[in-house]
C-alpha cells in the first residue's frame, strides 16, 4: 500500500494534489517543491549501445561548473568547429545524424551533456545554469558556429544576449520556445497547480533569480543578438508552438526562417540536416 501511495505522488495528478495541499499551509514551500520538480529532467541519463558507440568515438573531457562537472565530446574534423546544444530530457547523442552530416562536410563537432542530463553532474537545471554551461563550453572550445535545439536553444539565446559571448559566424535555433512563462503555464496545467501555488511560485522565482519569468523571453533577448542565423520550426510542433519560432525570427533582424511540416519537435530529418549545412556554409 505504501508503495502505491508513493507511486501515486510521482504521477502528475498525485504530485499536483500534494503541492496544492502544501500550498494551503506553506505556499513558499509548495512553490520550492513545484519549481524543483519543474527543473528536474526525467530522461536523458540512459544511452543505447549505438549512442554509446557514437560518444566513444569522440574525444571526451569534463569541465568544472559550479560544484559539478560537464561532460563534453569532440569529433575531430577540419579547422572550423560547430557546437551542438541539446534540449530538455535529452543528451549529446541526440545529435547523431547531425554529427555524421557535419563530419562528412569536414567540420569538427563539439557537443556536451547539459546540467542534469547525460553524463554531466547535477540533478536539476534551468535557463540560467544552462547558459552558464554554454559559456563554459564555448570558452573552452571556441566554436565558429552554434546550434541549439528547444531548451538548448533558449540557453544559447540567453548566452548570446546576456553574457559576454565570444564571436561566432552563424547561430541556428531549432524548435526554440520563446517564453518561459508559457512553459510554466503548460506545467501548471499538467499538475493542475492552483492559483495560490502559482502566485507563490512567481514570488519565489522573482526573488531567487532577480527577474520575472515573463521577462525571460527569447523573442526579446534575440533583439540583442547581432549574429546572423537561422530559425527552424515545424509548423505542427506539438511541444513548442510554431508562433514562438516565428516571433523569434521576427525580432531577429539578421535571421532567416526555415519552415518544415510533420517532422515533429525533434526536427530529425534529412532536409533539416542539409539546411543546417547550407546555413553554416554562408558563414565562411
Foldseek 3Di string as FASTA:
>chain_A
DVVVLVVQCVALQNVLVVLQVVLVPPLLVSLVVLVQVVFFFPAAADDDPVLVVVQVQWDWDWDDDDPWIKIKTKHAFDDAEEEEFEDGRHWPSLCVVLCVLVRVVRHMYMYIGFDCHYPTHDRGDDLVRRLVVVVRVCVVPVHQEYEYAASRLLSVLCNQQPHPDDDHLEYEYELYAFAQVVVVVVSCVSNVHDPSNVVSNQVVVCVVPVHGSRVSGSLVSLLRHPHAYEYEYECPAPPHHPVRSVSNVVSNPRYDYDYHYDPYRSPPDPVVSVVVVVGVVVRD
